[in-house]
Amino acid sequence: VFTSSQPRASSLAEELTMNGIRNVDCLHAGMTRKE
């Protein structure tokens, strides 16, 4: 799922998880290398 910005990617991943969608993850350049 593609979003236009890093904050929106993180926000969407959180919203899906809170709504019971399983196995959701996030990936963008604002995360640490380990993340």
PDB file of all heavy atoms in Angstrom:
ATOM      1  N   VAL A   1       0.860  -1.180   0.000  1.00  0.00           N
ATOM      2  CA  VAL A   1       0.000   0.000   0.000  1.00  0.00           C
ATOM      3  C   VAL A   1       0.896   1.230   0.000  1.00  0.00           C
ATOM      4  O   VAL A   1       1.743   1.393   0.887  1.00  0.00           O
ATOM      5  CB  VAL A   1      -0.928   0.017   1.232  1.00  0.00           C
ATOM      6  CG1 VAL A   1      -1.833   1.251   1.192  1.00  0.00           C
ATOM      7  CG2 VAL A   1      -1.768  -1.254   1.297  1.00  0.00           C
ATOM      8  N   PHE A   2       0.719   2.098  -0.999  1.00  0.00           N
ATOM      9  CA  PHE A   2       1.573   3.276  -1.139  1.00  0.00           C
ATOM     10  C   PHE A   2       0.883   4.542  -0.639  1.00  0.00           C
ATOM     11  O   PHE A   2      -0.271   4.809  -0.986  1.00  0.00           O
ATOM     12  CB  PHE A   2       1.984   3.471  -2.605  1.00  0.00           C
ATOM     13  CG  PHE A   2       3.020   2.499  -3.081  1.00  0.00           C
ATOM     14  CD1 PHE A   2       2.660   1.389  -3.827  1.00  0.00           C
ATOM     15  CD2 PHE A   2       4.358   2.688  -2.765  1.00  0.00           C
ATOM     16  CE1 PHE A   2       3.612   0.477  -4.263  1.00  0.00           C
ATOM     17  CE2 PHE A   2       5.317   1.790  -3.192  1.00  0.00           C
ATOM     18  CZ  PHE A   2       4.951   0.682  -3.944  1.00  0.00           C
ATOM     19  N   THR A   3       1.621   5.315   0.166  1.00  0.00           N
ATOM     20  CA  THR A   3       1.145   6.613   0.632  1.00  0.00           C
ATOM     21  C   THR A   3       2.111   7.694   0.152  1.00  0.00           C
ATOM     22  O   THR A   3       3.205   7.396  -0.332  1.00  0.00           O
ATOM     23  CB  THR A   3       1.067   6.666   2.171  1.00  0.00           C
ATOM     24  OG1 THR A   3       2.385   6.492   2.712  1.00  0.00           O
ATOM     25  CG2 THR A   3       0.156   5.571   2.705  1.00  0.00           C
ATOM     26  N   SER A   4       1.724   8.948   0.329  1.00  0.00           N
ATOM     27  CA  SER A   4       2.519  10.058  -0.203  1.00  0.00           C
ATOM     28  C   SER A   4       3.590  10.563   0.750  1.00  0.00           C
ATOM     29  O   SER A   4       4.463  11.328   0.348  1.00  0.00           O
ATOM     30  CB  SER A   4       1.597  11.226  -0.574  1.00  0.00           C
ATOM     31  OG  SER A   4       0.879  11.673   0.568  1.00  0.00           O
ATOM     32  N   SER A   5       3.545  10.152   2.022  1.00  0.00           N
ATOM     33  CA  SER A   5       4.528  10.665   2.979  1.00  0.00           C
ATOM     34  C   SER A   5       4.790   9.655   4.082  1.00  0.00           C
ATOM     35  O   SER A   5       3.997   8.728   4.305  1.00  0.00           O
ATOM     36  CB  SER A   5       4.044  11.984   3.605  1.00  0.00           C
ATOM     37  OG  SER A   5       2.917  11.760   4.438  1.00  0.00           O
ATOM     38  N   GLN A   6       5.896   9.834   4.779  1.00  0.00           N
ATOM     39  CA  GLN A   6       6.261   8.934   5.866  1.00  0.00           C
ATOM     40  C   GLN A   6       5.256   8.983   7.024  1.00  0.00           C
ATOM     41  O   GLN A   6       4.845   7.923   7.513  1.00  0.00           O
ATOM     42  CB  GLN A   6       7.665   9.282   6.365  1.00  0.00           C
ATOM     43  CG  GLN A   6       8.748   9.071   5.324  1.00  0.00           C
ATOM     44  CD  GLN A   6      10.094   9.617   5.762  1.00  0.00           C
ATOM     45  OE1 GLN A   6      10.287   9.966   6.928  1.00  0.00           O
ATOM     46  NE2 GLN A   6      11.033   9.715   4.837  1.00  0.00           N
ATOM     47  N   PRO A   7       4.843  10.189   7.476  1.00  0.00           N
ATOM     48  CA  PRO A   7       3.852  10.220   8.567  1.00  0.00           C
ATOM     49  C   PRO A   7       2.547   9.522   8.201  1.00  0.00           C
ATOM     50  O   PRO A   7       1.941   8.845   9.039  1.00  0.00           O
ATOM     51  CB  PRO A   7       3.634  11.722   8.803  1.00  0.00           C
ATOM     52  CG  PRO A   7       4.877  12.379   8.314  1.00  0.00           C
ATOM     53  CD  PRO A   7       5.309  11.549   7.145  1.00  0.00           C
ATOM     54  N   ARG A   8       2.126   9.665   6.953  1.00  0.00           N
ATOM     55  CA  ARG A   8       0.886   9.009   6.543  1.00  0.00           C
ATOM     56  C   ARG A   8       1.047   7.492   6.499  1.00  0.00           C
ATOM     57  O   ARG A   8       0.110   6.744   6.809  1.00  0.00           O
ATOM     58  CB  ARG A   8       0.440   9.531   5.179  1.00  0.00           C
ATOM     59  CG  ARG A   8      -0.196  10.913   5.253  1.00  0.00           C
ATOM     60  CD  ARG A   8      -0.515  11.471   3.883  1.00  0.00           C
ATOM     61  NE  ARG A   8      -1.591  10.758   3.193  1.00  0.00           N
ATOM     62  CZ  ARG A   8      -2.884  10.930   3.422  1.00  0.00           C
ATOM     63  NH1 ARG A   8      -3.274  11.783   4.367  1.00  0.00           N
ATOM     64  NH2 ARG A   8      -3.794  10.272   2.740  1.00  0.00           N
ATOM     65  N   ALA A   9       2.228   7.026   6.118  1.00  0.00           N
ATOM     66  CA  ALA A   9       2.484   5.578   6.106  1.00  0.00           C
ATOM     67  C   ALA A   9       2.392   5.010   7.519  1.00  0.00           C
ATOM     68  O   ALA A   9       1.727   3.993   7.753  1.00  0.00           O
ATOM     69  CB  ALA A   9       3.857   5.290   5.501  1.00  0.00           C
ATOM     70  N   SER A  10       3.042   5.675   8.465  1.00  0.00           N
ATOM     71  CA  SER A  10       3.006   5.215   9.858  1.00  0.00           C
ATOM     72  C   SER A  10       1.593   5.291  10.427  1.00  0.00           C
ATOM     73  O   SER A  10       1.140   4.381  11.127  1.00  0.00           O
ATOM     74  CB  SER A  10       3.954   6.068  10.713  1.00  0.00           C
ATOM     75  OG  SER A  10       5.294   5.945  10.270  1.00  0.00           O
ATOM     76  N   SER A  11       0.901   6.383  10.114  1.00  0.00           N
ATOM     77  CA  SER A  11      -0.458   6.567  10.606  1.00  0.00           C
ATOM     78  C   SER A  11      -1.396   5.501  10.058  1.00  0.00           C
ATOM     79  O   SER A  11      -2.215   4.928  10.793  1.00  0.00           O
ATOM     80  CB  SER A  11      -0.966   7.965  10.214  1.00  0.00           C
ATOM     81  OG  SER A  11      -2.332   8.122  10.532  1.00  0.00           O
ATOM     82  N   LEU A  12      -1.268   5.196   8.767  1.00  0.00           N
ATOM     83  CA  LEU A  12      -2.143   4.194   8.151  1.00  0.00           C
ATOM     84  C   LEU A  12      -1.879   2.803   8.717  1.00  0.00           C
ATOM     85  O   LEU A  12      -2.820   2.045   8.980  1.00  0.00           O
ATOM     86  CB  LEU A  12      -1.943   4.195   6.636  1.00  0.00           C
ATOM     87  CG  LEU A  12      -2.818   3.215   5.846  1.00  0.00           C
ATOM     88  CD1 LEU A  12      -4.296   3.457   6.120  1.00  0.00           C
ATOM     89  CD2 LEU A  12      -2.528   3.325   4.348  1.00  0.00           C
ATOM     90  N   ALA A  13      -0.608   2.466   8.924  1.00  0.00           N
ATOM     91  CA  ALA A  13      -0.280   1.159   9.502  1.00  0.00           C
ATOM     92  C   ALA A  13      -0.903   1.020  10.889  1.00  0.00           C
ATOM     93  O   ALA A  13      -1.452  -0.040  11.245  1.00  0.00           O
ATOM     94  CB  ALA A  13       1.237   0.992   9.572  1.00  0.00           C
ATOM     95  N   GLU A  14      -0.845   2.092  11.663  1.00  0.00           N
ATOM     96  CA  GLU A  14      -1.426   2.074  13.009  1.00  0.00           C
ATOM     97  C   GLU A  14      -2.944   1.934  12.953  1.00  0.00           C
ATOM     98  O   GLU A  14      -3.540   1.169  13.713  1.00  0.00           O
ATOM     99  CB  GLU A  14      -1.045   3.361  13.742  1.00  0.00           C
ATOM    100  CG  GLU A  14      -1.554   3.428  15.172  1.00  0.00           C
ATOM    101  CD  GLU A  14      -1.147   4.710  15.871  1.00  0.00           C
ATOM    102  OE1 GLU A  14      -0.378   5.499  15.295  1.00  0.00           O
ATOM    103  OE2 GLU A  14      -1.621   4.935  17.001  1.00  0.00           O
ATOM    104  N   GLU A  15      -3.582   2.672  12.035  1.00  0.00           N
ATOM    105  CA  GLU A  15      -5.032   2.624  11.924  1.00  0.00           C
ATOM    106  C   GLU A  15      -5.523   1.231  11.528  1.00  0.00           C
ATOM    107  O   GLU A  15      -6.509   0.723  12.077  1.00  0.00           O
ATOM    108  CB  GLU A  15      -5.515   3.653  10.896  1.00  0.00           C
ATOM    109  CG  GLU A  15      -5.421   5.092  11.349  1.00  0.00           C
ATOM    110  CD  GLU A  15      -6.357   5.420  12.490  1.00  0.00           C
ATOM    111  OE1 GLU A  15      -7.359   4.698  12.689  1.00  0.00           O
ATOM    112  OE2 GLU A  15      -6.089   6.395  13.212  1.00  0.00           O
ATOM    113  N   LEU A  16      -4.844   0.606  10.574  1.00  0.00           N
ATOM    114  CA  LEU A  16      -5.247  -0.731  10.144  1.00  0.00           C
ATOM    115  C   LEU A  16      -5.122  -1.726  11.292  1.00  0.00           C
ATOM    116  O   LEU A  16      -6.005  -2.569  11.509  1.00  0.00           O
ATOM    117  CB  LEU A  16      -4.405  -1.186   8.954  1.00  0.00           C
ATOM    118  CG  LEU A  16      -4.605  -0.437   7.636  1.00  0.00           C
ATOM    119  CD1 LEU A  16      -3.721  -1.045   6.548  1.00  0.00           C
ATOM    120  CD2 LEU A  16      -6.062  -0.457   7.199  1.00  0.00           C
ATOM    121  N   THR A  17      -4.024  -1.626  12.038  1.00  0.00           N
ATOM    122  CA  THR A  17      -3.818  -2.528  13.171  1.00  0.00           C
ATOM    123  C   THR A  17      -4.896  -2.326  14.232  1.00  0.00           C
ATOM    124  O   THR A  17      -5.440  -3.296  14.773  1.00  0.00           O
ATOM    125  CB  THR A  17      -2.427  -2.287  13.788  1.00  0.00           C
ATOM    126  OG1 THR A  17      -1.420  -2.511  12.784  1.00  0.00           O
ATOM    127  CG2 THR A  17      -2.181  -3.231  14.954  1.00  0.00           C
ATOM    128  N   MET A  18      -5.218  -1.065  14.523  1.00  0.00           N
ATOM    129  CA  MET A  18      -6.237  -0.769  15.542  1.00  0.00           C
ATOM    130  C   MET A  18      -7.622  -1.224  15.104  1.00  0.00           C
ATOM    131  O   MET A  18      -8.494  -1.446  15.936  1.00  0.00           O
ATOM    132  CB  MET A  18      -6.242   0.733  15.845  1.00  0.00           C
ATOM    133  CG  MET A  18      -4.986   1.217  16.537  1.00  0.00           C
ATOM    134  SD  MET A  18      -5.006   2.993  16.882  1.00  0.00           S
ATOM    135  CE  MET A  18      -6.275   3.079  18.133  1.00  0.00           C
ATOM    136  N   ASN A  19      -7.812  -1.367  13.790  1.00  0.00           N
ATOM    137  CA  ASN A  19      -9.102  -1.829  13.276  1.00  0.00           C
ATOM    138  C   ASN A  19      -9.134  -3.340  13.058  1.00  0.00           C
ATOM    139  O   ASN A  19     -10.032  -3.850  12.376  1.00  0.00           O
ATOM    140  CB  ASN A  19      -9.435  -1.110  11.972  1.00  0.00           C
ATOM    141  CG  ASN A  19     -10.041   0.268  12.198  1.00  0.00           C
ATOM    142  OD1 ASN A  19     -11.238   0.396  12.433  1.00  0.00           O
ATOM    143  ND2 ASN A  19      -9.201   1.303  12.155  1.00  0.00           N
ATOM    144  N   GLY A  20      -8.149  -4.029  13.596  1.00  0.00           N
ATOM    145  CA  GLY A  20      -8.177  -5.481  13.583  1.00  0.00           C
ATOM    146  C   GLY A  20      -7.626  -6.142  12.334  1.00  0.00           C
ATOM    147  O   GLY A  20      -7.790  -7.352  12.157  1.00  0.00           O
ATOM    148  N   ILE A  21      -6.967  -5.365  11.462  1.00  0.00           N
ATOM    149  CA  ILE A  21      -6.349  -5.965  10.277  1.00  0.00           C
ATOM    150  C   ILE A  21      -5.054  -6.638  10.701  1.00  0.00           C
ATOM    151  O   ILE A  21      -4.204  -6.028  11.354  1.00  0.00           O
ATOM    152  CB  ILE A  21      -6.071  -4.912   9.189  1.00  0.00           C
ATOM    153  CG1 ILE A  21      -7.352  -4.127   8.875  1.00  0.00           C
ATOM    154  CG2 ILE A  21      -5.524  -5.571   7.935  1.00  0.00           C
ATOM    155  CD1 ILE A  21      -8.469  -4.950   8.329  1.00  0.00           C
ATOM    156  N   ARG A  22      -4.875  -7.879  10.316  1.00  0.00           N
ATOM    157  CA  ARG A  22      -3.740  -8.678  10.798  1.00  0.00           C
ATOM    158  C   ARG A  22      -2.474  -8.473   9.976  1.00  0.00           C
ATOM    159  O   ARG A  22      -2.518  -8.157   8.790  1.00  0.00           O
ATOM    160  CB  ARG A  22      -4.111 -10.161  10.776  1.00  0.00           C
ATOM    161  CG  ARG A  22      -5.269 -10.538  11.682  1.00  0.00           C
ATOM    162  CD  ARG A  22      -5.631 -11.993  11.494  1.00  0.00           C
ATOM    163  NE  ARG A  22      -4.508 -12.887  11.736  1.00  0.00           N
ATOM    164  CZ  ARG A  22      -4.479 -14.171  11.387  1.00  0.00           C
ATOM    165  NH1 ARG A  22      -5.523 -14.703  10.771  1.00  0.00           N
ATOM    166  NH2 ARG A  22      -3.413 -14.898  11.638  1.00  0.00           N
ATOM    167  N   ASN A  23      -1.332  -8.656  10.661  1.00  0.00           N
ATOM    168  CA  ASN A  23      -0.004  -8.724  10.027  1.00  0.00           C
ATOM    169  C   ASN A  23       0.301  -7.510   9.155  1.00  0.00           C
ATOM    170  O   ASN A  23       0.686  -7.637   7.995  1.00  0.00           O
ATOM    171  CB  ASN A  23       0.128 -10.002   9.194  1.00  0.00           C
ATOM    172  CG  ASN A  23      -0.037 -11.260  10.027  1.00  0.00           C
ATOM    173  OD1 ASN A  23      -0.357 -11.201  11.211  1.00  0.00           O
ATOM    174  ND2 ASN A  23       0.171 -12.406   9.426  1.00  0.00           N
ATOM    175  N   VAL A  24       0.126  -6.326   9.727  1.00  0.00           N
ATOM    176  CA  VAL A  24       0.416  -5.073   9.030  1.00  0.00           C
ATOM    177  C   VAL A  24       1.788  -4.575   9.450  1.00  0.00           C
ATOM    178  O   VAL A  24       2.150  -4.636  10.624  1.00  0.00           O
ATOM    179  CB  VAL A  24      -0.645  -4.004   9.349  1.00  0.00           C
ATOM    180  CG1 VAL A  24      -0.325  -2.692   8.630  1.00  0.00           C
ATOM    181  CG2 VAL A  24      -2.030  -4.494   8.951  1.00  0.00           C
ATOM    182  N   ASP A  25       2.563  -4.073   8.488  1.00  0.00           N
ATOM    183  CA  ASP A  25       3.885  -3.526   8.793  1.00  0.00           C
ATOM    184  C   ASP A  25       4.089  -2.252   7.990  1.00  0.00           C
ATOM    185  O   ASP A  25       3.294  -1.909   7.122  1.00  0.00           O
ATOM    186  CB  ASP A  25       4.982  -4.545   8.461  1.00  0.00           C
ATOM    187  CG  ASP A  25       6.179  -4.412   9.396  1.00  0.00           C
ATOM    188  OD1 ASP A  25       6.367  -3.329   9.995  1.00  0.00           O
ATOM    189  OD2 ASP A  25       6.933  -5.397   9.528  1.00  0.00           O
ATOM    190  N   CYS A  26       5.182  -1.562   8.302  1.00  0.00           N
ATOM    191  CA  CYS A  26       5.453  -0.264   7.689  1.00  0.00           C
ATOM    192  C   CYS A  26       6.917  -0.218   7.244  1.00  0.00           C
ATOM    193  O   CYS A  26       7.786  -0.846   7.856  1.00  0.00           O
ATOM    194  CB  CYS A  26       5.165   0.838   8.717  1.00  0.00           C
ATOM    195  SG  CYS A  26       5.145   2.497   8.035  1.00  0.00           S
ATOM    196  N   LEU A  27       7.191   0.512   6.165  1.00  0.00           N
ATOM    197  CA  LEU A  27       8.562   0.652   5.675  1.00  0.00           C
ATOM    198  C   LEU A  27       8.723   1.993   4.983  1.00  0.00           C
ATOM    199  O   LEU A  27       8.027   2.281   4.007  1.00  0.00           O
ATOM    200  CB  LEU A  27       8.902  -0.477   4.692  1.00  0.00           C
ATOM    201  CG  LEU A  27      10.299  -0.418   4.042  1.00  0.00           C
ATOM    202  CD1 LEU A  27      11.390  -0.548   5.097  1.00  0.00           C
ATOM    203  CD2 LEU A  27      10.446  -1.520   2.995  1.00  0.00           C
ATOM    204  N   HIS A  28       9.607   2.842   5.515  1.00  0.00           N
ATOM    205  CA  HIS A  28       9.913   4.119   4.859  1.00  0.00           C
ATOM    206  C   HIS A  28      11.257   4.638   5.356  1.00  0.00           C
ATOM    207  O   HIS A  28      11.830   4.123   6.335  1.00  0.00           O
ATOM    208  CB  HIS A  28       8.809   5.148   5.087  1.00  0.00           C
ATOM    209  CG  HIS A  28       8.507   5.437   6.530  1.00  0.00           C
ATOM    210  ND1 HIS A  28       9.370   6.126   7.355  1.00  0.00           N
ATOM    211  CD2 HIS A  28       7.415   5.144   7.291  1.00  0.00           C
ATOM    212  CE1 HIS A  28       8.837   6.248   8.545  1.00  0.00           C
ATOM    213  NE2 HIS A  28       7.663   5.648   8.545  1.00  0.00           N
ATOM    214  N   ALA A  29      11.768   5.663   4.690  1.00  0.00           N
ATOM    215  CA  ALA A  29      13.116   6.162   4.973  1.00  0.00           C
ATOM    216  C   ALA A  29      13.236   6.851   6.321  1.00  0.00           C
ATOM    217  O   ALA A  29      14.350   7.084   6.812  1.00  0.00           O
ATOM    218  CB  ALA A  29      13.542   7.132   3.862  1.00  0.00           C
ATOM    219  N   GLY A  30      12.121   7.191   6.946  1.00  0.00           N
ATOM    220  CA  GLY A  30      12.172   7.842   8.247  1.00  0.00           C
ATOM    221  C   GLY A  30      12.444   6.881   9.393  1.00  0.00           C
ATOM    222  O   GLY A  30      12.675   7.310  10.523  1.00  0.00           O
ATOM    223  N   MET A  31      12.417   5.598   9.120  1.00  0.00           N
ATOM    224  CA  MET A  31      12.690   4.591  10.143  1.00  0.00           C
ATOM    225  C   MET A  31      14.192   4.389  10.277  1.00  0.00           C
ATOM    226  O   MET A  31      14.956   4.728   9.374  1.00  0.00           O
ATOM    227  CB  MET A  31      12.001   3.275   9.752  1.00  0.00           C
ATOM    228  CG  MET A  31      10.493   3.389   9.621  1.00  0.00           C
ATOM    229  SD  MET A  31       9.725   1.992   8.739  1.00  0.00           S
ATOM    230  CE  MET A  31      10.119   0.622   9.808  1.00  0.00           C
ATOM    231  N   THR A  32      14.628   3.839  11.413  1.00  0.00           N
ATOM    232  CA  THR A  32      16.045   3.553  11.588  1.00  0.00           C
ATOM    233  C   THR A  32      16.445   2.403  10.675  1.00  0.00           C
ATOM    234  O   THR A  32      15.582   1.659  10.175  1.00  0.00           O
ATOM    235  CB  THR A  32      16.365   3.161  13.039  1.00  0.00           C
ATOM    236  OG1 THR A  32      15.702   1.910  13.343  1.00  0.00           O
ATOM    237  CG2 THR A  32      15.881   4.236  14.008  1.00  0.00           C
ATOM    238  N   ARG A  33      17.723   2.245  10.472  1.00  0.00           N
ATOM    239  CA  ARG A  33      18.199   1.170   9.600  1.00  0.00           C
ATOM    240  C   ARG A  33      17.771  -0.186  10.137  1.00  0.00           C
ATOM    241  O   ARG A  33      17.340  -1.055   9.365  1.00  0.00           O
ATOM    242  CB  ARG A  33      19.723   1.240   9.493  1.00  0.00           C
ATOM    243  CG  ARG A  33      20.312   0.163   8.608  1.00  0.00           C
ATOM    244  CD  ARG A  33      21.816   0.314   8.463  1.00  0.00           C
ATOM    245  NE  ARG A  33      22.383  -0.737   7.644  1.00  0.00           N
ATOM    246  CZ  ARG A  33      23.673  -0.845   7.349  1.00  0.00           C
ATOM    247  NH1 ARG A  33      24.522   0.059   7.803  1.00  0.00           N
ATOM    248  NH2 ARG A  33      24.110  -1.839   6.598  1.00  0.00           N
ATOM    249  N   LYS A  34      17.866  -0.368  11.446  1.00  0.00           N
ATOM    250  CA  LYS A  34      17.464  -1.639  12.061  1.00  0.00           C
ATOM    251  C   LYS A  34      15.970  -1.893  11.843  1.00  0.00           C
ATOM    252  O   LYS A  34      15.551  -3.018  11.531  1.00  0.00           O
ATOM    253  CB  LYS A  34      17.767  -1.597  13.567  1.00  0.00           C
ATOM    254  CG  LYS A  34      17.360  -2.839  14.349  1.00  0.00           C
ATOM    255  CD  LYS A  34      18.192  -4.047  13.945  1.00  0.00           C
ATOM    256  CE  LYS A  34      18.084  -5.199  14.930  1.00  0.00           C
ATOM    257  NZ  LYS A  34      16.704  -5.626  15.227  1.00  0.00           N
ATOM    258  N   GLU A  35      15.153  -0.859  11.997  1.00  0.00           N
ATOM    259  CA  GLU A  35      13.711  -1.000  11.803  1.00  0.00           C
ATOM    260  C   GLU A  35      13.394  -1.375  10.355  1.00  0.00           C
ATOM    261  O   GLU A  35      12.535  -2.228  10.103  1.00  0.00           O
ATOM    262  CB  GLU A  35      13.004   0.301  12.167  1.00  0.00           C
ATOM    263  CG  GLU A  35      12.981   0.597  13.664  1.00  0.00           C
ATOM    264  CD  GLU A  35      12.437   1.973  13.973  1.00  0.00           C
ATOM    265  OE1 GLU A  35      12.510   2.870  13.084  1.00  0.00           O
ATOM    266  OE2 GLU A  35      11.964   2.181  15.106  1.00  0.00           O
TER     267      GLU A  35
END
